[in-house]
Structures are given as C-alpha cells and as structure tokens.
Amino acid sequence: MSDQSIPIPDPVVFVPANQRPTLLFVLLHDDAASPDQLEGLKKALLAAFPQAALALMYGPLATAPSRHHWFDQDGLNEYNYVQRVEAALPRFIAYVQWVQKQLSLGGEATALAGFGQGATLALEATLTQPDLAGRVLAFSGCYASLPAVAPAATTLHFLHGANDPVVPKSVMQNVHAHLSDLGGDATLDIASSVGHDLHTALVDQAIHRLKTCVPMRSWKEAMSTLKEKSCDPDDGIDTQAPLGTTLH
C-alpha cells in the first residue's frame, strides 16, 4: 500500500543552456524505483542530443522515498492490470502535453523512454493519445495488452534482454511480429546475456536507433514511389524475431 505521507517530488527537467530545445525526452522509471534508475540513460541522451530538453518523472505513488509506482501494486493481477495502467495514463499524458506547450514542441519532436512498467506506460500512452510522441524507447517492457492497432504517428524501439525473467524475449518477439502484421513501425533489439536490466548495450543501441532509423511515415511521405524498408540498417545486428541480438 502506498504511503500518502511521502511527498512526491516534482519532475526534474533539463534544458539546453544557450539554445531553445528542438527535442524533448520524457523518461519513466520501472516500478518500485525512482529517476535515479535512469541516470545512465539520461547522461547518454543529453550527450548525444545536446539540443534536447529532458524530463524525469516520479511515479505518483510511493511506498518509500526511493520506491515510486505508476499505479497501485496491491492485489495487482492479470484481471485488473490493464485497468490500472489505463487509470494512470491521463495524468502522465497531461504532463507531457504541458511540457510540450512550455517548450513549444509537438509530438513529432518528443520521445518517451521507459524501463519496465515505465515502458508500458509510454507505449499505452501513444495509443490513447496518438499525437503524443514520435518515438518510444521501450526498455524491458511491453504493452499492458496486445494492441488491436499500431500507433500511426509513432516509431517504436523495443530494447530487451535475452534473459529477461519479467517479460520473456519470446513475448517481445511475438509483439514485434504482431505490430509488423498491423503495419506498425517498430524495431526490436535483444541483448544477449542480459536480464531485466537497463544495460549499456541497450542504451547504446537506443542512441543508434534514434540517430539512424528514419521513421516509416517519413519514407512514405518523401519517397512514396519507392519500395524502401525503413528501420533496418545493415548495422550487423539482426533485429528480426526470433534471432534479434545486440552484440556486446
């Protein structure tokens, strides 16, 4: 049960010192954690994209000062999981939209990056609010339930450990294949010998994806007469299920 006497800190926001930001990253920690969990990812993103603003959110429920939750974990099961995730979305979406307004940035310039349940929140948010973000970096996390449609305006990058005991890699391979069948724009990178961990190999691959992967919608708009296959650069990493592996 959450402890309402524990104050929830305001989000921590970083903005470029001498220029208006042209990108926005919103980072979401896993369950029973805090933004401290995302320190390595934060540093990597700010180093790779110095023109970006970055916001670190705290889950709105807490059971200890460093144990924050996006939704109530008491009695959580397969029957109420989706409902609880959905109940957490309006507050999160409203905050992202507020930051976008303050920075004069739209969804196409926004990327949501989540780990574990934070990834679930980010993925579900782009289904509920399709124009919220142009990219999602989903580390070791999945949808609350298999989506019936793929997000039309969002490129999804799934980054997963081969030995993840929380969300098995086979689940992610099935989700990736399902999104492909729906016409979605998604990549899947699986790091060998990695469990449920925000591993540096996955962080590095996320940066690579952000810098090199042209969204499918951009190809369709700019090169509609060409049969280009987006998001599959010949980078030595096989991203097709079931063999996707990040070498490290």
C-alpha atoms as a PDB file:
ATOM      1  CA  MET A   1       0.000   0.000   0.000  1.00  0.00           C
ATOM      2  CA  SER A   2       1.307   3.454  -0.883  1.00  0.00           C
ATOM      3  CA  ASP A   3       2.226   5.864   1.897  1.00  0.00           C
ATOM      4  CA  GLN A   4       0.459   9.188   1.330  1.00  0.00           C
ATOM      5  CA  SER A   5       2.741  10.874   3.857  1.00  0.00           C
ATOM      6  CA  ILE A   6       5.671  10.508   1.460  1.00  0.00           C
ATOM      7  CA  PRO A   7       5.899  13.611  -0.748  1.00  0.00           C
ATOM      8  CA  ILE A   8       6.173  13.049  -4.485  1.00  0.00           C
ATOM      9  CA  PRO A   9       8.949  15.237  -5.934  1.00  0.00           C
ATOM     10  CA  ASP A  10       8.289  17.394  -8.955  1.00  0.00           C
ATOM     11  CA  PRO A  11       9.734  16.141 -12.233  1.00  0.00           C
ATOM     12  CA  VAL A  12      13.367  17.015 -12.854  1.00  0.00           C
ATOM     13  CA  VAL A  13      13.774  18.917 -16.120  1.00  0.00           C
ATOM     14  CA  PHE A  14      16.979  19.643 -18.029  1.00  0.00           C
ATOM     15  CA  VAL A  15      17.049  22.254 -20.810  1.00  0.00           C
ATOM     16  CA  PRO A  16      19.919  23.405 -23.049  1.00  0.00           C
ATOM     17  CA  ALA A  17      21.808  26.356 -21.611  1.00  0.00           C
ATOM     18  CA  ASN A  18      22.200  28.537 -24.689  1.00  0.00           C
ATOM     19  CA  GLN A  19      19.513  27.499 -27.151  1.00  0.00           C
ATOM     20  CA  ARG A  20      15.870  26.625 -27.445  1.00  0.00           C
ATOM     21  CA  PRO A  21      15.386  22.865 -27.324  1.00  0.00           C
ATOM     22  CA  THR A  22      14.398  21.166 -30.538  1.00  0.00           C
ATOM     23  CA  LEU A  23      13.735  17.752 -28.971  1.00  0.00           C
ATOM     24  CA  LEU A  24      12.079  16.528 -25.791  1.00  0.00           C
ATOM     25  CA  PHE A  25      12.772  13.277 -23.970  1.00  0.00           C
ATOM     26  CA  VAL A  26      10.495  12.143 -21.140  1.00  0.00           C
ATOM     27  CA  LEU A  27      11.959   9.315 -19.038  1.00  0.00           C
ATOM     28  CA  LEU A  28       9.932   6.851 -16.950  1.00  0.00           C
ATOM     29  CA  HIS A  29      11.438   4.540 -14.330  1.00  0.00           C
ATOM     30  CA  ASP A  30      10.323   0.977 -13.547  1.00  0.00           C
ATOM     31  CA  ASP A  31       8.068   0.009 -10.658  1.00  0.00           C
ATOM     32  CA  ALA A  32       9.408   0.469  -7.117  1.00  0.00           C
ATOM     33  CA  ALA A  33      12.162   2.768  -8.341  1.00  0.00           C
ATOM     34  CA  SER A  34      12.964   6.432  -8.957  1.00  0.00           C
ATOM     35  CA  PRO A  35      14.579   8.516 -11.706  1.00  0.00           C
ATOM     36  CA  ASP A  36      17.962   7.612 -10.208  1.00  0.00           C
ATOM     37  CA  GLN A  37      17.494   4.287 -12.008  1.00  0.00           C
ATOM     38  CA  LEU A  38      17.709   6.128 -15.327  1.00  0.00           C
ATOM     39  CA  GLU A  39      20.914   8.067 -14.680  1.00  0.00           C
ATOM     40  CA  GLY A  40      22.916   6.247 -17.357  1.00  0.00           C
ATOM     41  CA  LEU A  41      20.201   6.710 -19.969  1.00  0.00           C
ATOM     42  CA  LYS A  42      19.802  10.377 -19.045  1.00  0.00           C
ATOM     43  CA  LYS A  43      23.518  11.061 -19.453  1.00  0.00           C
ATOM     44  CA  ALA A  44      23.681   9.191 -22.755  1.00  0.00           C
ATOM     45  CA  LEU A  45      20.724  11.067 -24.247  1.00  0.00           C
ATOM     46  CA  LEU A  46      21.941  14.502 -23.155  1.00  0.00           C
ATOM     47  CA  ALA A  47      25.413  13.773 -24.521  1.00  0.00           C
ATOM     48  CA  ALA A  48      24.078  12.514 -27.857  1.00  0.00           C
ATOM     49  CA  PHE A  49      21.434  15.234 -28.228  1.00  0.00           C
ATOM     50  CA  PRO A  50      22.684  18.472 -26.630  1.00  0.00           C
ATOM     51  CA  GLN A  51      19.828  20.360 -28.266  1.00  0.00           C
ATOM     52  CA  ALA A  52      17.247  18.333 -26.315  1.00  0.00           C
ATOM     53  CA  ALA A  53      15.271  19.012 -23.175  1.00  0.00           C
ATOM     54  CA  LEU A  54      14.789  16.053 -20.853  1.00  0.00           C
ATOM     55  CA  ALA A  55      12.228  15.421 -18.122  1.00  0.00           C
ATOM     56  CA  LEU A  56      12.473  12.744 -15.423  1.00  0.00           C
ATOM     57  CA  MET A  57       9.159  11.905 -13.792  1.00  0.00           C
ATOM     58  CA  TYR A  58       8.425  10.247 -10.459  1.00  0.00           C
ATOM     59  CA  GLY A  59       5.631   7.693 -10.172  1.00  0.00           C
ATOM     60  CA  PRO A  60       2.701   9.343  -8.326  1.00  0.00           C
ATOM     61  CA  LEU A  61       2.537   6.656  -5.601  1.00  0.00           C
ATOM     62  CA  ALA A  62       5.296   5.801  -3.130  1.00  0.00           C
ATOM     63  CA  THR A  63       5.942   3.090  -0.550  1.00  0.00           C
ATOM     64  CA  ALA A  64       9.318   4.591   0.424  1.00  0.00           C
ATOM     65  CA  PRO A  65      11.222   7.736  -0.570  1.00  0.00           C
ATOM     66  CA  SER A  66      13.032   5.886  -3.372  1.00  0.00           C
ATOM     67  CA  ARG A  67      10.252   3.425  -4.272  1.00  0.00           C
ATOM     68  CA  HIS A  68       7.766   5.064  -6.604  1.00  0.00           C
ATOM     69  CA  HIS A  69       4.938   3.410  -8.524  1.00  0.00           C
ATOM     70  CA  TRP A  70       2.908   4.456 -11.557  1.00  0.00           C
ATOM     71  CA  PHE A  71      -0.175   2.631 -10.293  1.00  0.00           C
ATOM     72  CA  ASP A  72      -1.277   0.663  -7.237  1.00  0.00           C
ATOM     73  CA  GLN A  73       0.537  -2.657  -6.944  1.00  0.00           C
ATOM     74  CA  ASP A  74      -1.632  -4.076  -4.135  1.00  0.00           C
ATOM     75  CA  GLY A  75      -3.630  -7.024  -5.409  1.00  0.00           C
ATOM     76  CA  LEU A  76      -2.332  -6.477  -8.923  1.00  0.00           C
ATOM     77  CA  ASN A  77      -3.187  -9.380 -11.214  1.00  0.00           C
ATOM     78  CA  GLU A  78      -3.933 -10.247 -14.824  1.00  0.00           C
ATOM     79  CA  TYR A  79      -7.567  -9.217 -14.410  1.00  0.00           C
ATOM     80  CA  ASN A  80      -7.007  -5.650 -13.176  1.00  0.00           C
ATOM     81  CA  TYR A  81      -3.633  -4.838 -14.721  1.00  0.00           C
ATOM     82  CA  VAL A  82      -4.953  -3.181 -17.879  1.00  0.00           C
ATOM     83  CA  GLN A  83      -7.479  -1.121 -15.928  1.00  0.00           C
ATOM     84  CA  ARG A  84      -4.823   0.186 -13.556  1.00  0.00           C
ATOM     85  CA  VAL A  85      -2.477   1.106 -16.374  1.00  0.00           C
ATOM     86  CA  GLU A  86      -5.280   2.952 -18.154  1.00  0.00           C
ATOM     87  CA  ALA A  87      -6.129   4.851 -14.972  1.00  0.00           C
ATOM     88  CA  ALA A  88      -2.544   6.124 -14.769  1.00  0.00           C
ATOM     89  CA  LEU A  89      -2.467   7.478 -18.319  1.00  0.00           C
ATOM     90  CA  PRO A  90      -4.398  10.791 -18.078  1.00  0.00           C
ATOM     91  CA  ARG A  91      -2.030  12.321 -15.520  1.00  0.00           C
ATOM     92  CA  PHE A  92       1.025  11.268 -17.496  1.00  0.00           C
ATOM     93  CA  ILE A  93      -0.341  12.437 -20.843  1.00  0.00           C
ATOM     94  CA  ALA A  94      -1.376  15.788 -19.363  1.00  0.00           C
ATOM     95  CA  TYR A  95       2.123  16.370 -18.005  1.00  0.00           C
ATOM     96  CA  VAL A  96       3.801  15.569 -21.332  1.00  0.00           C
ATOM     97  CA  GLN A  97       1.426  17.912 -23.144  1.00  0.00           C
ATOM     98  CA  TRP A  98       2.089  20.653 -20.587  1.00  0.00           C
ATOM     99  CA  VAL A  99       5.860  20.376 -21.074  1.00  0.00           C
ATOM    100  CA  GLN A 100       5.419  20.364 -24.842  1.00  0.00           C
ATOM    101  CA  LYS A 101       3.412  23.577 -24.603  1.00  0.00           C
ATOM    102  CA  GLN A 102       6.012  25.245 -22.377  1.00  0.00           C
ATOM    103  CA  LEU A 103       8.786  24.368 -24.827  1.00  0.00           C
ATOM    104  CA  SER A 104       6.740  24.967 -27.998  1.00  0.00           C
ATOM    105  CA  LEU A 105       7.395  21.414 -29.159  1.00  0.00           C
ATOM    106  CA  GLY A 106       4.976  18.947 -30.689  1.00  0.00           C
ATOM    107  CA  GLY A 107       4.675  15.206 -30.558  1.00  0.00           C
ATOM    108  CA  GLU A 108       6.893  14.720 -33.597  1.00  0.00           C
ATOM    109  CA  ALA A 109       9.789  16.199 -31.584  1.00  0.00           C
ATOM    110  CA  THR A 110       9.039  14.155 -28.463  1.00  0.00           C
ATOM    111  CA  ALA A 111      10.396  10.758 -27.438  1.00  0.00           C
ATOM    112  CA  LEU A 112       9.151   8.759 -24.463  1.00  0.00           C
ATOM    113  CA  ALA A 113      11.686   6.400 -22.896  1.00  0.00           C
ATOM    114  CA  GLY A 114      10.578   3.936 -20.246  1.00  0.00           C
ATOM    115  CA  PHE A 115      12.012   0.971 -18.388  1.00  0.00           C
ATOM    116  CA  GLY A 116       9.781  -1.911 -17.266  1.00  0.00           C
ATOM    117  CA  GLN A 117       6.389  -0.573 -16.200  1.00  0.00           C
ATOM    118  CA  GLY A 118       7.564   2.852 -17.344  1.00  0.00           C
ATOM    119  CA  ALA A 119       7.846   1.404 -20.848  1.00  0.00           C
ATOM    120  CA  THR A 120       4.319   0.038 -20.555  1.00  0.00           C
ATOM    121  CA  LEU A 121       3.023   3.487 -19.651  1.00  0.00           C
ATOM    122  CA  ALA A 122       4.816   5.079 -22.599  1.00  0.00           C
ATOM    123  CA  LEU A 123       3.541   2.500 -25.091  1.00  0.00           C
ATOM    124  CA  GLU A 124      -0.049   2.679 -23.917  1.00  0.00           C
ATOM    125  CA  ALA A 125       0.028   6.492 -23.860  1.00  0.00           C
ATOM    126  CA  THR A 126       0.759   6.673 -27.587  1.00  0.00           C
ATOM    127  CA  LEU A 127      -2.287   4.509 -28.276  1.00  0.00           C
ATOM    128  CA  THR A 128      -4.527   6.669 -26.095  1.00  0.00           C
ATOM    129  CA  GLN A 129      -3.067   9.930 -27.462  1.00  0.00           C
ATOM    130  CA  PRO A 130      -1.728   9.172 -30.953  1.00  0.00           C
ATOM    131  CA  ASP A 131      -0.010  12.543 -31.451  1.00  0.00           C
ATOM    132  CA  LEU A 132       1.812  12.465 -28.103  1.00  0.00           C
ATOM    133  CA  ALA A 133       5.231  11.275 -29.286  1.00  0.00           C
ATOM    134  CA  GLY A 134       7.088  10.461 -32.467  1.00  0.00           C
ATOM    135  CA  ARG A 135       9.248   7.831 -30.772  1.00  0.00           C
ATOM    136  CA  VAL A 136       9.047   5.394 -27.881  1.00  0.00           C
ATOM    137  CA  LEU A 137      12.092   3.668 -26.416  1.00  0.00           C
ATOM    138  CA  ALA A 138      10.703   0.652 -24.555  1.00  0.00           C
ATOM    139  CA  PHE A 139      13.386  -0.949 -22.383  1.00  0.00           C
ATOM    140  CA  SER A 140      12.402  -4.328 -20.912  1.00  0.00           C
ATOM    141  CA  GLY A 141       8.715  -3.503 -21.102  1.00  0.00           C
ATOM    142  CA  CYS A 142       5.647  -4.292 -23.155  1.00  0.00           C
ATOM    143  CA  TYR A 143       2.048  -3.255 -23.751  1.00  0.00           C
ATOM    144  CA  ALA A 144      -0.450  -3.919 -20.984  1.00  0.00           C
ATOM    145  CA  SER A 145      -2.393  -5.920 -23.564  1.00  0.00           C
ATOM    146  CA  LEU A 146      -1.757  -6.777 -27.192  1.00  0.00           C
ATOM    147  CA  PRO A 147      -2.814  -3.726 -29.241  1.00  0.00           C
ATOM    148  CA  ALA A 148      -5.538  -4.007 -31.851  1.00  0.00           C
ATOM    149  CA  VAL A 149      -3.939  -1.236 -33.915  1.00  0.00           C
ATOM    150  CA  ALA A 150      -0.411   0.062 -34.337  1.00  0.00           C
ATOM    151  CA  PRO A 151       0.274   3.709 -33.484  1.00  0.00           C
ATOM    152  CA  ALA A 152       0.166   5.630 -36.748  1.00  0.00           C
ATOM    153  CA  ALA A 153       2.444   8.503 -35.734  1.00  0.00           C
ATOM    154  CA  THR A 154       4.978   6.739 -33.510  1.00  0.00           C
ATOM    155  CA  THR A 155       8.091   4.709 -34.227  1.00  0.00           C
ATOM    156  CA  LEU A 156       8.626   2.090 -31.525  1.00  0.00           C
ATOM    157  CA  HIS A 157      12.039   0.832 -30.470  1.00  0.00           C
ATOM    158  CA  PHE A 158      11.909  -2.260 -28.249  1.00  0.00           C
ATOM    159  CA  LEU A 159      15.172  -2.909 -26.392  1.00  0.00           C
ATOM    160  CA  HIS A 160      15.247  -6.121 -24.418  1.00  0.00           C
ATOM    161  CA  GLY A 161      17.441  -8.570 -22.556  1.00  0.00           C
ATOM    162  CA  ALA A 162      17.570 -12.137 -23.852  1.00  0.00           C
ATOM    163  CA  ASN A 163      17.353 -13.453 -20.285  1.00  0.00           C
ATOM    164  CA  ASP A 164      14.652 -11.093 -19.001  1.00  0.00           C
ATOM    165  CA  PRO A 165      12.654 -13.060 -16.371  1.00  0.00           C
ATOM    166  CA  VAL A 166       9.894 -10.432 -16.107  1.00  0.00           C
ATOM    167  CA  VAL A 167       8.988 -10.114 -19.788  1.00  0.00           C
ATOM    168  CA  PRO A 168      10.450 -13.073 -21.712  1.00  0.00           C
ATOM    169  CA  LYS A 169      12.047 -12.288 -25.051  1.00  0.00           C
ATOM    170  CA  SER A 170       9.542 -14.585 -26.783  1.00  0.00           C
ATOM    171  CA  VAL A 171       6.768 -12.212 -25.719  1.00  0.00           C
ATOM    172  CA  MET A 172       8.583  -9.289 -27.304  1.00  0.00           C
ATOM    173  CA  GLN A 173       9.239 -11.242 -30.485  1.00  0.00           C
ATOM    174  CA  ASN A 174       5.527 -12.011 -30.755  1.00  0.00           C
ATOM    175  CA  VAL A 175       4.603  -8.370 -30.112  1.00  0.00           C
ATOM    176  CA  HIS A 176       7.079  -7.192 -32.737  1.00  0.00           C
ATOM    177  CA  ALA A 177       5.677  -9.640 -35.292  1.00  0.00           C
ATOM    178  CA  HIS A 178       2.115  -8.603 -34.394  1.00  0.00           C
ATOM    179  CA  LEU A 179       2.913  -4.918 -34.904  1.00  0.00           C
ATOM    180  CA  SER A 180       4.519  -5.742 -38.239  1.00  0.00           C
ATOM    181  CA  ASP A 181       1.329  -7.510 -39.310  1.00  0.00           C
ATOM    182  CA  LEU A 182      -0.612  -4.373 -38.325  1.00  0.00           C
ATOM    183  CA  GLY A 183       1.646  -2.194 -40.463  1.00  0.00           C
ATOM    184  CA  GLY A 184       3.369  -0.642 -37.466  1.00  0.00           C
ATOM    185  CA  ASP A 185       6.801   0.956 -37.428  1.00  0.00           C
ATOM    186  CA  ALA A 186       8.864  -0.917 -34.845  1.00  0.00           C
ATOM    187  CA  THR A 187      12.332  -2.300 -34.230  1.00  0.00           C
ATOM    188  CA  LEU A 188      13.388  -4.993 -31.776  1.00  0.00           C
ATOM    189  CA  ASP A 189      16.906  -5.367 -30.401  1.00  0.00           C
ATOM    190  CA  ILE A 190      17.702  -8.186 -27.986  1.00  0.00           C
ATOM    191  CA  ALA A 191      20.887  -8.093 -25.924  1.00  0.00           C
ATOM    192  CA  SER A 192      22.463 -11.472 -25.261  1.00  0.00           C
ATOM    193  CA  SER A 193      23.258 -12.432 -21.653  1.00  0.00           C
ATOM    194  CA  VAL A 194      21.173  -9.528 -20.285  1.00  0.00           C
ATOM    195  CA  GLY A 195      18.212  -9.863 -17.946  1.00  0.00           C
ATOM    196  CA  HIS A 196      15.708  -7.240 -16.757  1.00  0.00           C
ATOM    197  CA  ASP A 197      18.335  -4.535 -16.871  1.00  0.00           C
ATOM    198  CA  LEU A 198      18.900  -1.113 -18.395  1.00  0.00           C
ATOM    199  CA  HIS A 199      22.160  -2.384 -19.833  1.00  0.00           C
ATOM    200  CA  THR A 200      24.647  -0.067 -21.520  1.00  0.00           C
ATOM    201  CA  ALA A 201      24.462  -2.179 -24.692  1.00  0.00           C
ATOM    202  CA  LEU A 202      20.750  -1.415 -24.943  1.00  0.00           C
ATOM    203  CA  VAL A 203      21.256   2.263 -24.145  1.00  0.00           C
ATOM    204  CA  ASP A 204      23.904   2.495 -26.871  1.00  0.00           C
ATOM    205  CA  GLN A 205      21.597   0.759 -29.327  1.00  0.00           C
ATOM    206  CA  ALA A 206      18.773   3.155 -28.446  1.00  0.00           C
ATOM    207  CA  ILE A 207      21.007   6.105 -29.325  1.00  0.00           C
ATOM    208  CA  HIS A 208      21.945   4.370 -32.574  1.00  0.00           C
ATOM    209  CA  ARG A 209      18.284   3.844 -33.438  1.00  0.00           C
ATOM    210  CA  LEU A 210      17.397   7.465 -32.715  1.00  0.00           C
ATOM    211  CA  LYS A 211      20.225   8.721 -34.921  1.00  0.00           C
ATOM    212  CA  THR A 212      19.897   6.336 -37.861  1.00  0.00           C
ATOM    213  CA  CYS A 213      16.352   4.984 -38.061  1.00  0.00           C
ATOM    214  CA  VAL A 214      14.188   7.024 -40.422  1.00  0.00           C
ATOM    215  CA  PRO A 215      10.516   6.639 -39.426  1.00  0.00           C
ATOM    216  CA  MET A 216       8.425   4.663 -41.867  1.00  0.00           C
ATOM    217  CA  ARG A 217       5.960   7.543 -42.177  1.00  0.00           C
ATOM    218  CA  SER A 218       8.787   9.814 -43.407  1.00  0.00           C
ATOM    219  CA  TRP A 219       9.745   7.326 -46.092  1.00  0.00           C
ATOM    220  CA  LYS A 220       6.139   7.078 -47.210  1.00  0.00           C
ATOM    221  CA  GLU A 221       5.788  10.845 -47.411  1.00  0.00           C
ATOM    222  CA  ALA A 222       9.106  11.604 -49.103  1.00  0.00           C
ATOM    223  CA  MET A 223       9.621   8.501 -51.238  1.00  0.00           C
ATOM    224  CA  SER A 224       6.142   7.168 -51.883  1.00  0.00           C
ATOM    225  CA  THR A 225       7.110   5.706 -55.242  1.00  0.00           C
ATOM    226  CA  LEU A 226       9.999   3.670 -53.880  1.00  0.00           C
ATOM    227  CA  LYS A 227       9.723   0.412 -52.034  1.00  0.00           C
ATOM    228  CA  GLU A 228      12.003   1.279 -49.160  1.00  0.00           C
ATOM    229  CA  LYS A 229      12.050  -0.754 -45.997  1.00  0.00           C
ATOM    230  CA  SER A 230      12.666   1.568 -43.048  1.00  0.00           C
ATOM    231  CA  CYS A 231      14.365   0.915 -39.716  1.00  0.00           C
ATOM    232  CA  ASP A 232      16.515  -1.994 -40.869  1.00  0.00           C
ATOM    233  CA  PRO A 233      20.002  -0.552 -41.447  1.00  0.00           C
ATOM    234  CA  ASP A 234      22.727  -3.051 -42.212  1.00  0.00           C
ATOM    235  CA  ASP A 235      24.433  -2.456 -38.862  1.00  0.00           C
ATOM    236  CA  GLY A 236      25.450  -6.023 -38.102  1.00  0.00           C
ATOM    237  CA  ILE A 237      22.546  -6.564 -35.706  1.00  0.00           C
ATOM    238  CA  ASP A 238      19.754  -8.895 -36.729  1.00  0.00           C
ATOM    239  CA  THR A 239      16.527  -7.300 -35.497  1.00  0.00           C
ATOM    240  CA  GLN A 240      14.076  -9.819 -36.891  1.00  0.00           C
ATOM    241  CA  ALA A 241      12.340 -12.152 -34.459  1.00  0.00           C
ATOM    242  CA  PRO A 242      13.346 -14.648 -33.244  1.00  0.00           C
ATOM    243  CA  LEU A 243      17.059 -14.011 -33.805  1.00  0.00           C
ATOM    244  CA  GLY A 244      17.463 -10.335 -32.818  1.00  0.00           C
ATOM    245  CA  THR A 245      20.644  -9.962 -30.779  1.00  0.00           C
ATOM    246  CA  THR A 246      22.715  -6.976 -29.760  1.00  0.00           C
ATOM    247  CA  LEU A 247      26.365  -7.960 -29.622  1.00  0.00           C
ATOM    248  CA  HIS A 248      28.348  -6.555 -26.705  1.00  0.00           C
END
